[in-house]
């Protein structure tokens, strides 16, 4: 509640009683109650108006799915990369050359991609270095 704990609320109430005095306190409490009721009425009216304008589609939205706390960038990237991998590796026609990278779809519907390995370096031979790439 606005970052106020119970003790702070009690202290604020005591300060309000001292500052406002017992004569004006009921009047201000009634004004505060009217303000809260008016805000609730406006929020309810806005919610009903939104339901009327949007229609039944608003009830069908899965709000948990849109919760930003559910955002996991690793999962989203993995799903995006593996989404249509079968389409990528399909040849355009029967006579088209096969791509260098082959994919095998496992039973868990997660494709396993095998990449051909180039020639191995001899023992003690330094790895190739490209100055323009770094």
Protein backbone atom coordinates (compact mmCIF):
# COMPACT_ATOMS: atom_id res chain seq x y z
CA UNK A 1 0.00 0.00 0.00
CA UNK A 2 2.13 2.85 -1.31
CA UNK A 3 5.16 1.54 0.56
CA UNK A 4 3.66 2.31 3.98
CA UNK A 5 3.73 -0.37 6.65
CA UNK A 6 1.33 -0.64 9.59
CA UNK A 7 3.40 1.36 12.06
CA UNK A 8 3.85 4.26 9.65
CA UNK A 9 0.10 4.29 8.96
CA UNK A 10 -0.64 4.53 12.70
CA UNK A 11 1.87 7.39 13.07
CA UNK A 12 0.28 9.22 10.12
CA UNK A 13 -3.19 8.77 11.64
CA UNK A 14 -2.00 10.19 14.98
CA UNK A 15 -0.39 13.17 13.23
CA UNK A 16 -3.64 13.75 11.28
CA UNK A 17 -5.68 13.73 14.51
CA UNK A 18 -3.30 16.24 16.12
CA UNK A 19 -3.04 18.55 13.10
CA UNK A 20 -6.68 18.49 12.04
CA UNK A 21 -8.20 18.31 15.47
CA UNK A 22 -11.26 16.38 16.57
CA UNK A 23 -13.66 18.97 15.10
CA UNK A 24 -12.51 18.79 11.47
CA UNK A 25 -11.36 15.13 11.36
CA UNK A 26 -14.84 13.60 10.66
CA UNK A 27 -15.38 16.05 7.81
CA UNK A 28 -12.03 15.13 6.17
CA UNK A 29 -12.66 11.42 6.73
CA UNK A 30 -16.01 11.74 4.92
CA UNK A 31 -14.32 13.58 2.03
CA UNK A 32 -11.68 10.85 1.81
CA UNK A 33 -14.41 8.17 1.76
CA UNK A 34 -16.24 10.01 -1.05
CA UNK A 35 -12.98 10.29 -3.01
CA UNK A 36 -12.26 6.56 -2.68
CA UNK A 37 -15.83 5.67 -3.72
CA UNK A 38 -15.59 7.98 -6.74
CA UNK A 39 -12.27 6.45 -7.82
CA UNK A 40 -13.71 2.94 -7.52
CA UNK A 41 -16.76 3.98 -9.55
CA UNK A 42 -14.55 5.46 -12.27
CA UNK A 43 -12.35 2.34 -12.40
CA UNK A 44 -15.40 0.08 -12.67
CA UNK A 45 -16.88 2.27 -15.40
CA UNK A 46 -13.63 2.25 -17.36
CA UNK A 47 -13.42 -1.55 -17.07
CA UNK A 48 -17.02 -1.96 -18.28
CA UNK A 49 -16.46 0.47 -21.16
CA UNK A 50 -13.36 -1.43 -22.22
CA UNK A 51 -15.29 -4.73 -22.18
CA UNK A 52 -18.05 -3.18 -24.32
CA UNK A 53 -15.63 -1.73 -26.87
CA UNK A 54 -13.27 -4.70 -27.14
CA UNK A 55 -15.95 -7.35 -26.86
CA UNK A 56 -15.59 -10.99 -25.89
CA UNK A 57 -11.99 -11.15 -27.20
CA UNK A 58 -10.84 -9.51 -23.96
CA UNK A 59 -12.00 -12.50 -21.93
CA UNK A 60 -10.14 -14.91 -24.24
CA UNK A 61 -6.74 -13.27 -23.72
CA UNK A 62 -4.33 -15.35 -21.63
CA UNK A 63 -2.94 -12.61 -19.38
CA UNK A 64 -0.45 -14.96 -17.70
CA UNK A 65 1.25 -15.52 -21.04
CA UNK A 66 1.72 -11.75 -21.45
CA UNK A 67 3.15 -11.31 -17.95
CA UNK A 68 6.63 -9.77 -18.29
CA UNK A 69 7.80 -11.84 -15.31
CA UNK A 70 7.40 -14.93 -17.51
CA UNK A 71 9.89 -13.51 -20.04
CA UNK A 72 12.85 -15.85 -20.51
CA UNK A 73 15.08 -14.66 -23.35
CA UNK A 74 16.89 -18.01 -23.64
CA UNK A 75 13.63 -19.88 -24.20
CA UNK A 76 12.37 -17.32 -26.71
CA UNK A 77 15.60 -17.42 -28.71
CA UNK A 78 15.68 -21.22 -28.67
CA UNK A 79 12.09 -21.43 -29.89
CA UNK A 80 12.76 -18.84 -32.60
CA UNK A 81 15.87 -20.64 -33.84
CA UNK A 82 14.33 -24.11 -33.81
CA UNK A 83 10.84 -23.07 -34.94
CA UNK A 84 10.89 -23.92 -38.64
CA UNK A 85 14.20 -25.72 -38.96
CA UNK A 86 12.64 -28.51 -41.03
CA UNK A 87 11.60 -26.00 -43.71
CA UNK A 88 15.13 -24.63 -43.91
CA UNK A 89 16.65 -28.00 -44.69
CA UNK A 90 14.06 -29.19 -47.23
CA UNK A 91 15.45 -29.20 -50.77
CA UNK A 92 13.64 -26.92 -53.21
CA UNK A 93 13.24 -29.71 -55.76
CA UNK A 94 14.22 -33.34 -56.02
CA UNK A 95 17.19 -32.52 -58.27
CA UNK A 96 18.51 -29.69 -56.12
CA UNK A 97 21.81 -30.26 -54.32
CA UNK A 98 21.54 -31.15 -50.66
CA UNK A 99 22.74 -28.54 -48.16
CA UNK A 100 26.04 -29.09 -46.34
CA UNK A 101 24.28 -29.12 -42.98
CA UNK A 102 21.89 -32.00 -42.34
CA UNK A 103 19.20 -32.23 -39.69
CA UNK A 104 17.60 -35.25 -38.09
CA UNK A 105 14.37 -34.77 -36.18
CA UNK A 106 14.35 -36.66 -32.89
CA UNK A 107 11.33 -38.20 -31.26
CA UNK A 108 11.19 -35.28 -28.81
CA UNK A 109 10.46 -32.91 -31.74
CA UNK A 110 13.75 -31.17 -31.10
CA UNK A 111 15.90 -31.34 -34.21
CA UNK A 112 19.51 -32.39 -33.83
CA UNK A 113 21.74 -30.53 -36.28
CA UNK A 114 25.03 -32.06 -37.42
CA UNK A 115 27.68 -29.80 -38.90
CA UNK A 116 30.51 -31.22 -41.03
CA UNK A 117 33.92 -30.85 -39.40
CA UNK A 118 36.78 -29.38 -41.45
CA UNK A 119 40.34 -30.67 -41.56
CA UNK A 120 42.03 -31.04 -38.18
CA UNK A 121 45.21 -29.19 -37.30
CA UNK A 122 48.38 -31.10 -36.68
CA UNK A 123 49.72 -31.21 -33.14
CA UNK A 124 51.50 -27.94 -32.33
CA UNK A 125 50.18 -26.14 -35.43
CA UNK A 126 48.70 -22.70 -34.58
CA UNK A 127 45.07 -22.00 -35.44
CA UNK A 128 44.44 -19.69 -38.42
CA UNK A 129 44.15 -16.05 -37.47
CA UNK A 130 42.30 -13.39 -39.47
CA UNK A 131 43.39 -9.84 -38.57
CA UNK A 132 40.48 -8.27 -40.46
CA UNK A 133 37.88 -10.28 -38.56
CA UNK A 134 38.97 -9.04 -35.13
